[in-house]
Amino acid sequence: MSDQQQGGQQINIELGEKEADGVYSNLAIITHSPAEFVIDFTRVLPGVPKAKVHARVIMTVQHAKLLLRALEDNISKYEMKFGEIKIHGEGPGGLGFQHPGAEEKIH
């Protein structure tokens, strides 16, 4: 269980046993509508031509932007402590999470 602060209010967050195991993902497919973002987390394995979605997260556009800010903040803190995160194989046609500005839907 974890306690989080939100707008001065304390929220008690419960982490179930299944969720605590986590889901490994090396590919995220992001789509959006005017009201929400949908992020499908999958993994691509060598020699396997088909990838299965292992988790889908749907959030409001506002929460998507807050998630982006939280990730940027945490990556910055990580890099200050452990050094720059190197991205191998980055560029057009690469698999996995891609940087903003990539022309494909895969991020």
Protein backbone atom coordinates (compact mmCIF):
# COMPACT_ATOMS: atom_id res chain seq x y z
CA MET A 1 0.00 0.00 0.00
CA SER A 2 1.21 3.50 -0.77
CA ASP A 3 0.07 6.94 0.35
CA GLN A 4 0.11 9.69 -2.29
CA GLN A 5 -0.66 13.40 -1.96
CA GLN A 6 -3.03 14.91 -4.52
CA GLY A 7 -4.10 18.52 -4.19
CA GLY A 8 -3.52 18.47 -0.43
CA GLN A 9 -5.62 15.31 -0.06
CA GLN A 10 -4.02 12.00 0.92
CA ILE A 11 -4.95 9.02 -1.26
CA ASN A 12 -4.38 5.46 -0.10
CA ILE A 13 -3.23 3.35 -3.07
CA GLU A 14 -3.41 -0.44 -2.93
CA LEU A 15 -1.08 -2.57 -5.08
CA GLY A 16 -2.54 -6.00 -5.76
CA GLU A 17 -0.38 -9.13 -5.99
CA LYS A 18 -0.97 -9.57 -9.74
CA GLU A 19 -0.20 -5.91 -10.49
CA ALA A 20 2.92 -6.01 -8.29
CA ASP A 21 4.46 -8.52 -10.73
CA GLY A 22 4.34 -5.88 -13.44
CA VAL A 23 4.25 -6.27 -17.21
CA TYR A 24 7.37 -6.06 -19.37
CA SER A 25 6.98 -3.97 -22.52
CA ASN A 26 9.42 -2.92 -25.23
CA LEU A 27 6.83 -1.45 -27.59
CA ALA A 28 4.01 1.01 -26.93
CA ILE A 29 1.38 1.96 -29.48
CA ILE A 30 -0.22 5.31 -28.71
CA THR A 31 -3.48 6.54 -30.24
CA HIS A 32 -5.74 9.37 -29.21
CA SER A 33 -9.13 10.98 -29.66
CA PRO A 34 -10.05 14.56 -28.74
CA ALA A 35 -10.87 13.35 -25.20
CA GLU A 36 -8.40 10.58 -24.35
CA PHE A 37 -5.12 8.81 -25.01
CA VAL A 38 -4.91 5.03 -25.38
CA ILE A 39 -1.55 3.37 -24.75
CA ASP A 40 -1.19 -0.31 -25.65
CA PHE A 41 1.87 -1.94 -24.10
CA THR A 42 3.23 -4.96 -25.94
CA ARG A 43 6.53 -6.70 -26.45
CA VAL A 44 8.28 -7.76 -29.60
CA LEU A 45 10.47 -10.84 -29.40
CA PRO A 46 13.08 -11.96 -31.94
CA GLY A 47 11.73 -14.56 -34.35
CA VAL A 48 8.12 -14.04 -33.28
CA PRO A 49 6.13 -12.29 -36.05
CA LYS A 50 3.13 -11.48 -33.85
CA ALA A 51 2.96 -9.23 -30.78
CA LYS A 52 0.21 -9.37 -28.17
CA VAL A 53 -1.05 -6.38 -26.17
CA HIS A 54 -0.32 -7.14 -22.52
CA ALA A 55 -1.80 -3.98 -21.01
CA ARG A 56 -3.93 -1.08 -22.22
CA VAL A 57 -4.05 2.23 -20.36
CA ILE A 58 -6.71 4.80 -21.23
CA MET A 59 -6.42 8.30 -19.79
CA THR A 60 -7.69 11.81 -20.30
CA VAL A 61 -5.57 14.17 -22.40
CA GLN A 62 -4.80 16.17 -19.25
CA HIS A 63 -3.56 13.07 -17.43
CA ALA A 64 -1.46 12.11 -20.47
CA LYS A 65 0.29 15.49 -20.29
CA LEU A 66 0.80 15.12 -16.53
CA LEU A 67 2.26 11.64 -17.16
CA LEU A 68 4.66 13.13 -19.71
CA ARG A 69 5.80 15.74 -17.17
CA ALA A 70 6.22 13.11 -14.45
CA LEU A 71 8.28 10.88 -16.78
CA GLU A 72 10.48 13.82 -17.83
CA ASP A 73 11.05 14.74 -14.17
CA ASN A 74 11.88 11.16 -13.17
CA ILE A 75 14.18 10.58 -16.15
CA SER A 76 16.03 13.79 -15.31
CA LYS A 77 16.46 12.65 -11.69
CA TYR A 78 17.58 9.19 -12.84
CA GLU A 79 20.19 10.65 -15.22
CA MET A 80 21.52 13.00 -12.54
CA LYS A 81 22.09 9.99 -10.29
CA PHE A 82 23.15 7.29 -12.78
CA GLY A 83 24.23 9.14 -15.93
CA GLU A 84 22.71 9.70 -19.33
CA ILE A 85 20.42 7.03 -20.72
CA LYS A 86 21.72 6.02 -24.14
CA ILE A 87 19.19 5.11 -26.84
CA HIS A 88 20.54 2.35 -29.10
CA GLY A 89 19.09 1.86 -32.58
CA GLU A 90 17.13 5.10 -32.45
CA GLY A 91 15.85 6.34 -35.77
CA PRO A 92 13.23 5.74 -38.43
CA GLY A 93 12.04 2.17 -38.68
CA GLY A 94 13.36 1.19 -35.27
CA LEU A 95 11.16 -0.87 -32.97
CA GLY A 96 10.20 0.16 -29.50
CA PHE A 97 9.43 3.45 -27.85
CA GLN A 98 10.25 6.32 -30.18
CA HIS A 99 10.91 9.95 -29.44
CA PRO A 100 8.25 12.63 -30.02
CA GLY A 101 8.24 13.80 -33.60
CA ALA A 102 8.54 10.33 -35.06
CA GLU A 103 6.10 10.22 -37.93
CA GLU A 104 4.71 6.82 -37.05
CA LYS A 105 2.02 6.02 -34.48
CA ILE A 106 4.41 3.76 -32.59
CA HIS A 107 6.08 5.53 -29.66
